[in-house]
C-alpha atoms as a PDB file:
ATOM      1  CA  MET A   1       0.000   0.000   0.000  1.00  0.00           C
ATOM      2  CA  ALA A   2       2.758   2.460   0.922  1.00  0.00           C
ATOM      3  CA  GLU A   3       4.564   1.633  -2.341  1.00  0.00           C
ATOM      4  CA  ASP A   4       1.402   2.436  -4.304  1.00  0.00           C
ATOM      5  CA  MET A   5       1.107   5.811  -2.583  1.00  0.00           C
ATOM      6  CA  LEU A   6       4.767   6.567  -3.294  1.00  0.00           C
ATOM      7  CA  ALA A   7       4.304   5.717  -6.979  1.00  0.00           C
ATOM      8  CA  ILE A   8       1.238   7.976  -7.149  1.00  0.00           C
ATOM      9  CA  GLU A   9       3.116  10.819  -5.420  1.00  0.00           C
ATOM     10  CA  ASN A  10       6.069  10.478  -7.827  1.00  0.00           C
ATOM     11  CA  GLU A  11       3.719  10.521 -10.801  1.00  0.00           C
ATOM     12  CA  ASP A  12       1.998  13.642  -9.492  1.00  0.00           C
ATOM     13  CA  THR A  13       5.255  15.495  -8.861  1.00  0.00           C
ATOM     14  CA  GLN A  14       6.391  14.784 -12.427  1.00  0.00           C
ATOM     15  CA  LYS A  15       3.080  15.620 -14.099  1.00  0.00           C
ATOM     16  CA  ASP A  16       3.270  18.629 -16.425  1.00  0.00           C
ATOM     17  CA  LYS A  17       7.081  18.847 -15.995  1.00  0.00           C
ATOM     18  CA  TYR A  18       9.304  18.917 -19.055  1.00  0.00           C
ATOM     19  CA  LEU A  19      13.058  19.028 -19.515  1.00  0.00           C
ATOM     20  CA  THR A  20      13.590  21.789 -22.054  1.00  0.00           C
ATOM     21  CA  PHE A  21      16.544  22.075 -24.399  1.00  0.00           C
ATOM     22  CA  HIS A  22      17.786  24.021 -27.429  1.00  0.00           C
ATOM     23  CA  LEU A  23      18.258  22.527 -30.838  1.00  0.00           C
ATOM     24  CA  ALA A  24      19.093  24.614 -33.913  1.00  0.00           C
ATOM     25  CA  GLY A  25      17.697  27.801 -32.376  1.00  0.00           C
ATOM     26  CA  GLU A  26      14.373  26.277 -31.249  1.00  0.00           C
ATOM     27  CA  ASP A  27      13.184  25.251 -27.790  1.00  0.00           C
ATOM     28  CA  TYR A  28      12.043  21.670 -27.260  1.00  0.00           C
ATOM     29  CA  GLY A  29      10.798  19.709 -24.285  1.00  0.00           C
ATOM     30  CA  ILE A  30      10.438  16.083 -23.242  1.00  0.00           C
ATOM     31  CA  GLU A  31       8.474  14.758 -20.299  1.00  0.00           C
ATOM     32  CA  ILE A  32      10.725  14.675 -17.242  1.00  0.00           C
ATOM     33  CA  ARG A  33       9.443  11.241 -16.226  1.00  0.00           C
ATOM     34  CA  PHE A  34      11.492   9.682 -19.058  1.00  0.00           C
ATOM     35  CA  VAL A  35      14.750  11.454 -18.140  1.00  0.00           C
ATOM     36  CA  ILE A  36      17.303   9.470 -16.143  1.00  0.00           C
ATOM     37  CA  GLU A  37      20.180  11.936 -16.246  1.00  0.00           C
ATOM     38  CA  ILE A  38      21.977  14.598 -18.239  1.00  0.00           C
ATOM     39  CA  ILE A  39      25.657  14.139 -19.011  1.00  0.00           C
ATOM     40  CA  GLY A  40      28.224  16.137 -20.911  1.00  0.00           C
ATOM     41  CA  ILE A  41      29.248  15.000 -24.353  1.00  0.00           C
ATOM     42  CA  GLN A  42      31.731  12.130 -24.223  1.00  0.00           C
ATOM     43  CA  LYS A  43      33.417   9.642 -26.527  1.00  0.00           C
ATOM     44  CA  ILE A  44      30.845   7.903 -28.710  1.00  0.00           C
ATOM     45  CA  THR A  45      31.865   4.573 -30.221  1.00  0.00           C
ATOM     46  CA  GLU A  46      30.550   4.271 -33.761  1.00  0.00           C
ATOM     47  CA  VAL A  47      28.536   1.202 -34.691  1.00  0.00           C
ATOM     48  CA  PRO A  48      28.751   0.187 -38.355  1.00  0.00           C
ATOM     49  CA  ASP A  49      25.688  -0.122 -40.594  1.00  0.00           C
ATOM     50  CA  MET A  50      23.452   2.205 -38.564  1.00  0.00           C
ATOM     51  CA  PRO A  51      21.382   5.161 -39.766  1.00  0.00           C
ATOM     52  CA  ALA A  52      23.206   8.517 -39.751  1.00  0.00           C
ATOM     53  CA  PHE A  53      21.280   9.814 -36.721  1.00  0.00           C
ATOM     54  CA  ILE A  54      22.518   6.942 -34.531  1.00  0.00           C
ATOM     55  CA  ARG A  55      25.967   8.227 -33.606  1.00  0.00           C
ATOM     56  CA  GLY A  56      26.933   5.008 -31.827  1.00  0.00           C
ATOM     57  CA  VAL A  57      27.097   3.908 -28.199  1.00  0.00           C
ATOM     58  CA  ILE A  58      28.577   5.167 -24.950  1.00  0.00           C
ATOM     59  CA  ASN A  59      29.705   3.297 -21.865  1.00  0.00           C
ATOM     60  CA  LEU A  60      27.636   4.676 -19.011  1.00  0.00           C
ATOM     61  CA  ARG A  61      28.920   3.154 -15.770  1.00  0.00           C
ATOM     62  CA  GLY A  62      29.467  -0.219 -17.440  1.00  0.00           C
ATOM     63  CA  LYS A  63      26.216  -0.173 -19.424  1.00  0.00           C
ATOM     64  CA  VAL A  64      26.258   0.246 -23.211  1.00  0.00           C
ATOM     65  CA  VAL A  65      23.769   2.964 -24.194  1.00  0.00           C
ATOM     66  CA  PRO A  66      22.909   3.819 -27.823  1.00  0.00           C
ATOM     67  CA  VAL A  67      23.183   7.522 -28.699  1.00  0.00           C
ATOM     68  CA  MET A  68      20.950   9.401 -31.129  1.00  0.00           C
ATOM     69  CA  ASP A  69      21.810  12.856 -32.444  1.00  0.00           C
ATOM     70  CA  VAL A  70      18.447  14.644 -32.391  1.00  0.00           C
ATOM     71  CA  ARG A  71      19.670  17.225 -34.941  1.00  0.00           C
ATOM     72  CA  ALA A  72      20.420  14.417 -37.390  1.00  0.00           C
ATOM     73  CA  ARG A  73      17.107  12.694 -36.552  1.00  0.00           C
ATOM     74  CA  PHE A  74      15.287  15.874 -37.584  1.00  0.00           C
ATOM     75  CA  MET A  75      17.504  16.290 -40.670  1.00  0.00           C
ATOM     76  CA  LEU A  76      18.844  19.604 -39.357  1.00  0.00           C
ATOM     77  CA  PRO A  77      22.333  20.820 -40.320  1.00  0.00           C
ATOM     78  CA  ASP A  78      25.195  19.244 -38.378  1.00  0.00           C
ATOM     79  CA  ARG A  79      27.096  21.301 -35.863  1.00  0.00           C
ATOM     80  CA  ASP A  80      30.280  20.564 -33.954  1.00  0.00           C
ATOM     81  CA  TYR A  81      29.791  19.411 -30.386  1.00  0.00           C
ATOM     82  CA  ASP A  82      30.972  21.939 -27.797  1.00  0.00           C
ATOM     83  CA  ASP A  83      31.018  22.369 -24.019  1.00  0.00           C
ATOM     84  CA  ARG A  84      27.255  23.139 -24.014  1.00  0.00           C
ATOM     85  CA  THR A  85      26.368  19.956 -25.945  1.00  0.00           C
ATOM     86  CA  CYS A  86      24.686  17.397 -23.679  1.00  0.00           C
ATOM     87  CA  ILE A  87      23.432  13.858 -23.790  1.00  0.00           C
ATOM     88  CA  ILE A  88      20.005  13.427 -22.192  1.00  0.00           C
ATOM     89  CA  VAL A  89      19.702   9.792 -21.118  1.00  0.00           C
ATOM     90  CA  VAL A  90      16.076   8.671 -21.283  1.00  0.00           C
ATOM     91  CA  ASN A  91      14.387   5.410 -20.379  1.00  0.00           C
ATOM     92  CA  ILE A  92      11.399   4.161 -22.328  1.00  0.00           C
ATOM     93  CA  GLU A  93      10.007   0.717 -21.564  1.00  0.00           C
ATOM     94  CA  ASP A  94      13.288  -0.358 -19.913  1.00  0.00           C
ATOM     95  CA  THR A  95      15.399   0.826 -22.845  1.00  0.00           C
ATOM     96  CA  GLU A  96      17.975   3.543 -22.224  1.00  0.00           C
ATOM     97  CA  VAL A  97      18.949   5.840 -25.088  1.00  0.00           C
ATOM     98  CA  GLY A  98      21.107   8.970 -25.076  1.00  0.00           C
ATOM     99  CA  LEU A  99      19.804  12.001 -26.973  1.00  0.00           C
ATOM    100  CA  VAL A 100      22.441  14.513 -28.116  1.00  0.00           C
ATOM    101  CA  VAL A 101      21.112  18.099 -27.942  1.00  0.00           C
ATOM    102  CA  ASP A 102      22.755  21.498 -28.393  1.00  0.00           C
ATOM    103  CA  GLU A 103      22.104  22.704 -24.849  1.00  0.00           C
ATOM    104  CA  VAL A 104      19.854  21.785 -21.922  1.00  0.00           C
ATOM    105  CA  SER A 105      17.784  24.684 -20.562  1.00  0.00           C
ATOM    106  CA  GLU A 106      15.646  23.906 -17.521  1.00  0.00           C
ATOM    107  CA  VAL A 107      12.806  21.868 -16.088  1.00  0.00           C
ATOM    108  CA  ALA A 108       9.637  23.742 -16.951  1.00  0.00           C
ATOM    109  CA  ASP A 109       6.083  23.378 -15.670  1.00  0.00           C
ATOM    110  CA  ILE A 110       3.675  23.308 -18.594  1.00  0.00           C
ATOM    111  CA  ALA A 111       0.110  22.596 -17.505  1.00  0.00           C
ATOM    112  CA  GLU A 112      -1.980  20.364 -19.744  1.00  0.00           C
ATOM    113  CA  LYS A 113      -4.285  23.298 -20.519  1.00  0.00           C
ATOM    114  CA  ASN A 114      -1.261  25.137 -22.010  1.00  0.00           C
ATOM    115  CA  VAL A 115      -0.423  22.334 -24.430  1.00  0.00           C
ATOM    116  CA  GLU A 116      -1.976  22.528 -27.876  1.00  0.00           C
ATOM    117  CA  PRO A 117      -1.923  19.810 -30.515  1.00  0.00           C
ATOM    118  CA  PRO A 118       0.887  20.089 -33.068  1.00  0.00           C
ATOM    119  CA  PRO A 119       0.142  22.161 -36.165  1.00  0.00           C
ATOM    120  CA  ARG A 120      -1.145  20.131 -39.082  1.00  0.00           C
ATOM    121  CA  THR A 121       1.399  20.811 -41.762  1.00  0.00           C
ATOM    122  CA  GLY A 122       3.067  18.708 -44.392  1.00  0.00           C
ATOM    123  CA  LYS A 123       6.067  16.536 -43.741  1.00  0.00           C
ATOM    124  CA  ASN A 124       8.231  18.984 -41.861  1.00  0.00           C
ATOM    125  CA  ALA A 125      11.498  17.919 -40.259  1.00  0.00           C
ATOM    126  CA  GLY A 126      10.702  16.076 -37.062  1.00  0.00           C
ATOM    127  CA  GLY A 127       6.971  16.774 -37.364  1.00  0.00           C
ATOM    128  CA  GLN A 128       5.954  13.196 -36.741  1.00  0.00           C
ATOM    129  CA  TYR A 129       7.727  13.270 -33.355  1.00  0.00           C
ATOM    130  CA  ILE A 130       5.810  16.259 -31.965  1.00  0.00           C
ATOM    131  CA  GLN A 131       3.449  15.569 -29.073  1.00  0.00           C
ATOM    132  CA  GLY A 132       2.226  19.151 -28.765  1.00  0.00           C
ATOM    133  CA  MET A 133       3.101  22.810 -28.465  1.00  0.00           C
ATOM    134  CA  GLY A 134       3.627  23.985 -24.890  1.00  0.00           C
ATOM    135  CA  LYS A 135       2.995  27.635 -24.076  1.00  0.00           C
ATOM    136  CA  ILE A 136       4.982  29.325 -21.303  1.00  0.00           C
ATOM    137  CA  ASN A 137       4.114  33.022 -21.086  1.00  0.00           C
ATOM    138  CA  LYS A 138       4.928  34.287 -24.608  1.00  0.00           C
ATOM    139  CA  ASP A 139       7.252  31.411 -25.470  1.00  0.00           C
ATOM    140  CA  VAL A 140       6.371  28.175 -27.249  1.00  0.00           C
ATOM    141  CA  LYS A 141       8.218  24.908 -26.608  1.00  0.00           C
ATOM    142  CA  ILE A 142       7.965  22.055 -29.082  1.00  0.00           C
ATOM    143  CA  LEU A 143       7.086  19.031 -26.933  1.00  0.00           C
ATOM    144  CA  LEU A 144       8.430  15.780 -28.318  1.00  0.00           C
ATOM    145  CA  ASP A 145       6.839  12.351 -28.106  1.00  0.00           C
ATOM    146  CA  VAL A 146       9.773  10.307 -26.828  1.00  0.00           C
ATOM    147  CA  HIS A 147       8.146   7.007 -27.839  1.00  0.00           C
ATOM    148  CA  LYS A 148       7.915   8.058 -31.486  1.00  0.00           C
ATOM    149  CA  LEU A 149      11.410   9.529 -31.365  1.00  0.00           C
ATOM    150  CA  LEU A 150      12.910   6.304 -30.027  1.00  0.00           C
ATOM    151  CA  TYR A 151      10.740   3.526 -31.309  1.00  0.00           C
ATOM    152  CA  SER A 152      11.572   3.139 -34.913  1.00  0.00           C
ATOM    153  CA  GLU A 153      12.902   0.254 -36.928  1.00  0.00           C
ATOM    154  CA  GLU A 154      16.383   1.794 -36.782  1.00  0.00           C
ATOM    155  CA  ILE A 155      16.523   1.900 -32.980  1.00  0.00           C
ATOM    156  CA  GLN A 156      15.161  -1.634 -32.733  1.00  0.00           C
ATOM    157  CA  ALA A 157      17.883  -2.784 -35.162  1.00  0.00           C
ATOM    158  CA  LEU A 158      20.573  -1.247 -32.936  1.00  0.00           C
ATOM    159  CA  LEU A 159      19.125  -2.822 -29.793  1.00  0.00           C
ATOM    160  CA  ASN A 160      18.893  -6.206 -31.526  1.00  0.00           C
ATOM    161  CA  LYS A 161      22.580  -5.910 -32.573  1.00  0.00           C
ATOM    162  CA  GLN A 162      23.502  -5.264 -28.937  1.00  0.00           C
ATOM    163  CA  GLU A 163      21.741  -8.456 -27.852  1.00  0.00           C
ATOM    164  CA  GLU A 164      23.583 -10.629 -30.402  1.00  0.00           C
END
């Protein structure tokens, strides 16, 4: 019973909270409940025969974690990694993946009532990964659907290679 209450409390404290980050001059957000940690950029070991947006894997405290460059995933121009570049390690359905972003901003509260559905436009870069548009005062954050970002045939192929 106490464990159930703790789980409910944790869910409530993470509701409407998003980790926001910059990518190619725009502000994005992902639900904080998926974020395990944020680390600085480090050596990424390339894995052959992977899509361009999968940069490779990192060794995170003895665990091999695949790394996706979100810029490349959205077909945005490449940019050199610098001291502001971060890897956001997320966990979806017991799978950890690192997301390379230009710069992490903050944890922001965006109430459900301030989230609008994504605009219905053609095939724009990264459009299929958008969960909604979060409004904070006069700013708009593009909220990403982490499941759609991570669960693709390419990611599954990388995870299957790791298991072999």
